[in-house]
Amino acid sequence: MTDRQLLELLLEKVTNIEQKVANIETEQQAMKADISELKDGQLRLESRMETEVIDKVRALFDAREVQHDINQRIISTLERIEAKIDVLQMETAHIRRIK
């Protein structure tokens, strides 16, 4: 093999390597773009999930407040009923003593 043939062979190999490196760089850029899109999508998904969770927690808190109000009204009503029962028991006891 002559020096010229050897140089041509080396040039061909270097050209092939440069093409492969260029292909790798192109693929790397595409992968970076894909990763960037995935990150953006993930951030949007996380943001949407946070919003949904916050809304659900807020709804649960509101429901708890409503239930608390209902429980307070029930307790108040029971206290009035207890007071009336106490009065009726005293009246009944008084009437029994009179008889």
N, C-alpha and C. Protein backbone atom coordinates (compact mmCIF):
# COMPACT_ATOMS: atom_id res chain seq x y z
N MET A 1 0.85 -1.16 0.00
CA MET A 1 0.00 0.00 0.00
C MET A 1 0.90 1.23 0.00
N THR A 2 0.60 2.13 -0.87
CA THR A 2 1.41 3.33 -1.00
C THR A 2 0.95 4.37 0.00
N ASP A 3 1.78 5.38 0.16
CA ASP A 3 1.44 6.46 1.08
C ASP A 3 0.15 7.15 0.67
N ARG A 4 -0.01 7.33 -0.60
CA ARG A 4 -1.21 7.99 -1.12
C ARG A 4 -2.45 7.18 -0.78
N GLN A 5 -2.39 5.87 -1.01
CA GLN A 5 -3.53 5.00 -0.71
C GLN A 5 -3.83 5.01 0.79
N LEU A 6 -2.77 5.00 1.58
CA LEU A 6 -2.93 5.05 3.02
C LEU A 6 -3.59 6.36 3.46
N LEU A 7 -3.17 7.47 2.88
CA LEU A 7 -3.78 8.76 3.19
C LEU A 7 -5.24 8.83 2.76
N GLU A 8 -5.53 8.26 1.58
CA GLU A 8 -6.92 8.23 1.10
C GLU A 8 -7.78 7.37 2.03
N LEU A 9 -7.23 6.27 2.47
CA LEU A 9 -7.95 5.39 3.40
C LEU A 9 -8.19 6.11 4.73
N LEU A 10 -7.17 6.77 5.24
CA LEU A 10 -7.31 7.54 6.48
C LEU A 10 -8.32 8.67 6.31
N LEU A 11 -8.26 9.35 5.16
CA LEU A 11 -9.22 10.42 4.90
C LEU A 11 -10.64 9.88 4.87
N GLU A 12 -10.83 8.74 4.25
CA GLU A 12 -12.15 8.11 4.19
C GLU A 12 -12.64 7.75 5.58
N LYS A 13 -11.75 7.20 6.41
CA LYS A 13 -12.11 6.82 7.78
C LYS A 13 -12.45 8.07 8.62
N VAL A 14 -11.63 9.11 8.49
CA VAL A 14 -11.89 10.35 9.22
C VAL A 14 -13.21 10.96 8.78
N THR A 15 -13.49 10.93 7.49
CA THR A 15 -14.76 11.46 6.97
C THR A 15 -15.92 10.68 7.54
N ASN A 16 -15.79 9.34 7.60
CA ASN A 16 -16.85 8.50 8.18
C ASN A 16 -17.04 8.83 9.65
N ILE A 17 -15.95 9.01 10.37
CA ILE A 17 -16.04 9.34 11.79
C ILE A 17 -16.71 10.70 11.98
N GLU A 18 -16.35 11.67 11.14
CA GLU A 18 -16.97 13.00 11.24
C GLU A 18 -18.47 12.93 10.97
N GLN A 19 -18.87 12.11 10.00
CA GLN A 19 -20.30 11.94 9.70
C GLN A 19 -21.02 11.31 10.89
N LYS A 20 -20.37 10.30 11.47
CA LYS A 20 -20.99 9.63 12.62
C LYS A 20 -21.11 10.59 13.81
N VAL A 21 -20.07 11.39 14.03
CA VAL A 21 -20.11 12.38 15.12
C VAL A 21 -21.21 13.40 14.84
N ALA A 22 -21.34 13.83 13.60
CA ALA A 22 -22.39 14.78 13.25
C ALA A 22 -23.76 14.16 13.49
N ASN A 23 -23.94 12.90 13.14
CA ASN A 23 -25.21 12.20 13.38
C ASN A 23 -25.48 12.11 14.89
N ILE A 24 -24.43 11.80 15.65
CA ILE A 24 -24.59 11.70 17.10
C ILE A 24 -24.99 13.06 17.67
N GLU A 25 -24.35 14.12 17.20
CA GLU A 25 -24.70 15.47 17.69
C GLU A 25 -26.14 15.82 17.34
N THR A 26 -26.57 15.46 16.14
CA THR A 26 -27.96 15.72 15.73
C THR A 26 -28.93 14.95 16.63
N GLU A 27 -28.63 13.69 16.87
CA GLU A 27 -29.49 12.88 17.74
C GLU A 27 -29.48 13.41 19.16
N GLN A 28 -28.32 13.87 19.61
CA GLN A 28 -28.23 14.43 20.95
C GLN A 28 -29.10 15.69 21.07
N GLN A 29 -29.08 16.53 20.07
CA GLN A 29 -29.92 17.73 20.09
C GLN A 29 -31.40 17.35 20.12
N ALA A 30 -31.75 16.32 19.33
CA ALA A 30 -33.14 15.86 19.32
C ALA A 30 -33.53 15.33 20.70
N MET A 31 -32.61 14.59 21.33
CA MET A 31 -32.90 14.05 22.66
C MET A 31 -33.04 15.18 23.68
N LYS A 32 -32.22 16.21 23.57
CA LYS A 32 -32.33 17.35 24.47
C LYS A 32 -33.70 18.02 24.31
N ALA A 33 -34.13 18.15 23.06
CA ALA A 33 -35.44 18.76 22.81
C ALA A 33 -36.55 17.90 23.41
N ASP A 34 -36.43 16.58 23.23
CA ASP A 34 -37.43 15.67 23.80
C ASP A 34 -37.45 15.76 25.32
N ILE A 35 -36.28 15.80 25.93
CA ILE A 35 -36.19 15.90 27.38
C ILE A 35 -36.80 17.22 27.85
N SER A 36 -36.52 18.28 27.12
CA SER A 36 -37.09 19.58 27.47
C SER A 36 -38.61 19.54 27.40
N GLU A 37 -39.14 18.92 26.36
CA GLU A 37 -40.60 18.79 26.24
C GLU A 37 -41.17 17.96 27.38
N LEU A 38 -40.47 16.88 27.74
CA LEU A 38 -40.94 16.04 28.84
C LEU A 38 -40.94 16.82 30.15
N LYS A 39 -39.89 17.61 30.38
CA LYS A 39 -39.84 18.42 31.60
C LYS A 39 -40.97 19.42 31.63
N ASP A 40 -41.21 20.08 30.49
CA ASP A 40 -42.31 21.05 30.43
C ASP A 40 -43.64 20.36 30.69
N GLY A 41 -43.83 19.20 30.07
CA GLY A 41 -45.06 18.44 30.28
C GLY A 41 -45.21 18.01 31.72
N GLN A 42 -44.10 17.60 32.32
CA GLN A 42 -44.14 17.18 33.71
C GLN A 42 -44.48 18.35 34.62
N LEU A 43 -43.90 19.51 34.33
CA LEU A 43 -44.20 20.69 35.14
C LEU A 43 -45.68 21.07 35.03
N ARG A 44 -46.21 21.00 33.81
CA ARG A 44 -47.64 21.31 33.62
C ARG A 44 -48.50 20.29 34.37
N LEU A 45 -48.10 19.01 34.29
CA LEU A 45 -48.84 17.97 34.98
C LEU A 45 -48.79 18.18 36.49
N GLU A 46 -47.60 18.47 37.01
CA GLU A 46 -47.46 18.72 38.44
C GLU A 46 -48.29 19.92 38.86
N SER A 47 -48.27 20.96 38.06
CA SER A 47 -49.04 22.16 38.38
C SER A 47 -50.54 21.85 38.39
N ARG A 48 -50.99 21.09 37.39
CA ARG A 48 -52.41 20.73 37.32
C ARG A 48 -52.79 19.86 38.52
N MET A 49 -51.92 18.91 38.85
CA MET A 49 -52.21 18.04 39.98
C MET A 49 -52.24 18.83 41.28
N GLU A 50 -51.32 19.77 41.46
CA GLU A 50 -51.33 20.61 42.65
C GLU A 50 -52.62 21.40 42.74
N THR A 51 -53.04 21.96 41.62
CA THR A 51 -54.28 22.73 41.60
C THR A 51 -55.46 21.84 41.96
N GLU A 52 -55.51 20.64 41.39
CA GLU A 52 -56.61 19.74 41.69
C GLU A 52 -56.60 19.32 43.15
N VAL A 53 -55.43 19.03 43.68
CA VAL A 53 -55.34 18.63 45.09
C VAL A 53 -55.76 19.79 45.99
N ILE A 54 -55.30 20.99 45.68
CA ILE A 54 -55.68 22.16 46.49
C ILE A 54 -57.19 22.36 46.44
N ASP A 55 -57.78 22.22 45.25
CA ASP A 55 -59.24 22.38 45.13
C ASP A 55 -59.97 21.31 45.96
N LYS A 56 -59.47 20.08 45.91
CA LYS A 56 -60.13 19.01 46.66
C LYS A 56 -59.98 19.20 48.16
N VAL A 57 -58.81 19.64 48.59
CA VAL A 57 -58.61 19.91 50.02
C VAL A 57 -59.52 21.05 50.46
N ARG A 58 -59.62 22.07 49.63
CA ARG A 58 -60.50 23.20 49.95
C ARG A 58 -61.96 22.72 50.06
N ALA A 59 -62.37 21.85 49.14
CA ALA A 59 -63.74 21.32 49.18
C ALA A 59 -63.95 20.50 50.44
N LEU A 60 -62.96 19.69 50.81
CA LEU A 60 -63.08 18.91 52.04
C LEU A 60 -63.17 19.82 53.27
N PHE A 61 -62.38 20.87 53.28
CA PHE A 61 -62.43 21.81 54.40
C PHE A 61 -63.80 22.48 54.47
N ASP A 62 -64.32 22.90 53.32
CA ASP A 62 -65.65 23.53 53.29
C ASP A 62 -66.71 22.56 53.78
N ALA A 63 -66.62 21.30 53.34
CA ALA A 63 -67.59 20.29 53.77
C ALA A 63 -67.49 20.06 55.28
N ARG A 64 -66.28 20.07 55.79
CA ARG A 64 -66.08 19.91 57.22
C ARG A 64 -66.70 21.08 57.99
N GLU A 65 -66.55 22.28 57.47
CA GLU A 65 -67.15 23.45 58.11
C GLU A 65 -68.67 23.36 58.11
N VAL A 66 -69.23 22.94 56.99
CA VAL A 66 -70.69 22.79 56.91
C VAL A 66 -71.16 21.74 57.91
N GLN A 67 -70.43 20.60 57.96
CA GLN A 67 -70.80 19.54 58.91
C GLN A 67 -70.67 20.03 60.35
N HIS A 68 -69.65 20.83 60.61
CA HIS A 68 -69.47 21.40 61.95
C HIS A 68 -70.67 22.28 62.32
N ASP A 69 -71.12 23.10 61.38
CA ASP A 69 -72.30 23.96 61.63
C ASP A 69 -73.54 23.12 61.90
N ILE A 70 -73.71 22.07 61.11
CA ILE A 70 -74.87 21.18 61.31
C ILE A 70 -74.79 20.52 62.68
N ASN A 71 -73.60 20.05 63.04
CA ASN A 71 -73.43 19.42 64.36
C ASN A 71 -73.74 20.41 65.48
N GLN A 72 -73.32 21.64 65.33
CA GLN A 72 -73.60 22.66 66.34
C GLN A 72 -75.10 22.89 66.48
N ARG A 73 -75.81 22.94 65.35
CA ARG A 73 -77.28 23.13 65.42
C ARG A 73 -77.94 21.93 66.10
N ILE A 74 -77.46 20.73 65.80
CA ILE A 74 -78.03 19.52 66.42
C ILE A 74 -77.78 19.54 67.93
N ILE A 75 -76.56 19.90 68.32
CA ILE A 75 -76.23 19.97 69.75
C ILE A 75 -77.09 21.01 70.45
N SER A 76 -77.27 22.15 69.80
CA SER A 76 -78.10 23.21 70.38
C SER A 76 -79.54 22.72 70.55
N THR A 77 -80.05 22.04 69.53
CA THR A 77 -81.42 21.52 69.60
C THR A 77 -81.55 20.47 70.70
N LEU A 78 -80.55 19.60 70.81
CA LEU A 78 -80.58 18.59 71.87
C LEU A 78 -80.55 19.22 73.26
N GLU A 79 -79.77 20.30 73.40
CA GLU A 79 -79.72 20.99 74.69
C GLU A 79 -81.08 21.59 75.04
N ARG A 80 -81.76 22.15 74.03
CA ARG A 80 -83.11 22.69 74.29
C ARG A 80 -84.07 21.57 74.67
N ILE A 81 -83.97 20.45 73.98
CA ILE A 81 -84.85 19.31 74.29
C ILE A 81 -84.57 18.80 75.70
N GLU A 82 -83.29 18.72 76.06
CA GLU A 82 -82.93 18.27 77.41
C GLU A 82 -83.50 19.21 78.46
N ALA A 83 -83.41 20.49 78.17
CA ALA A 83 -83.95 21.46 79.12
C ALA A 83 -85.45 21.29 79.27
N LYS A 84 -86.14 21.08 78.18
CA LYS A 84 -87.59 20.88 78.24
C LYS A 84 -87.93 19.59 78.98
N ILE A 85 -87.13 18.55 78.74
CA ILE A 85 -87.37 17.28 79.44
C ILE A 85 -87.16 17.47 80.94
N ASP A 86 -86.11 18.20 81.31
CA ASP A 86 -85.86 18.46 82.73
C ASP A 86 -87.05 19.19 83.36
N VAL A 87 -87.57 20.19 82.66
CA VAL A 87 -88.73 20.93 83.17
C VAL A 87 -89.92 20.00 83.30
N LEU A 88 -90.15 19.17 82.28
CA LEU A 88 -91.28 18.24 82.34
C LEU A 88 -91.11 17.22 83.46
N GLN A 89 -89.86 16.77 83.70
CA GLN A 89 -89.63 15.84 84.81
C GLN A 89 -89.92 16.49 86.15
N MET A 90 -89.52 17.73 86.28
CA MET A 90 -89.80 18.43 87.55
C MET A 90 -91.30 18.63 87.73
N GLU A 91 -92.00 19.00 86.65
CA GLU A 91 -93.46 19.18 86.75
C GLU A 91 -94.13 17.85 87.08
N THR A 92 -93.67 16.77 86.45
CA THR A 92 -94.24 15.46 86.70
C THR A 92 -93.99 15.04 88.14
N ALA A 93 -92.77 15.28 88.63
CA ALA A 93 -92.45 14.93 90.01
C ALA A 93 -93.31 15.76 90.96
N HIS A 94 -93.52 17.02 90.65
CA HIS A 94 -94.34 17.90 91.48
C HIS A 94 -95.78 17.40 91.49
N ILE A 95 -96.29 17.03 90.33
CA ILE A 95 -97.67 16.55 90.23
C ILE A 95 -97.81 15.24 91.01
N ARG A 96 -96.81 14.35 90.97
CA ARG A 96 -96.88 13.09 91.69
C ARG A 96 -96.90 13.33 93.21
N ARG A 97 -96.18 14.33 93.66
CA ARG A 97 -96.15 14.64 95.09
C ARG A 97 -97.49 15.16 95.57
N ILE A 98 -98.14 15.92 94.70
CA ILE A 98 -99.44 16.50 95.04
C ILE A 98 -100.48 15.41 95.17
N LYS A 99 -100.42 14.38 94.34
CA LYS A 99 -101.45 13.35 94.35
C LYS A 99 -101.30 12.56 95.58
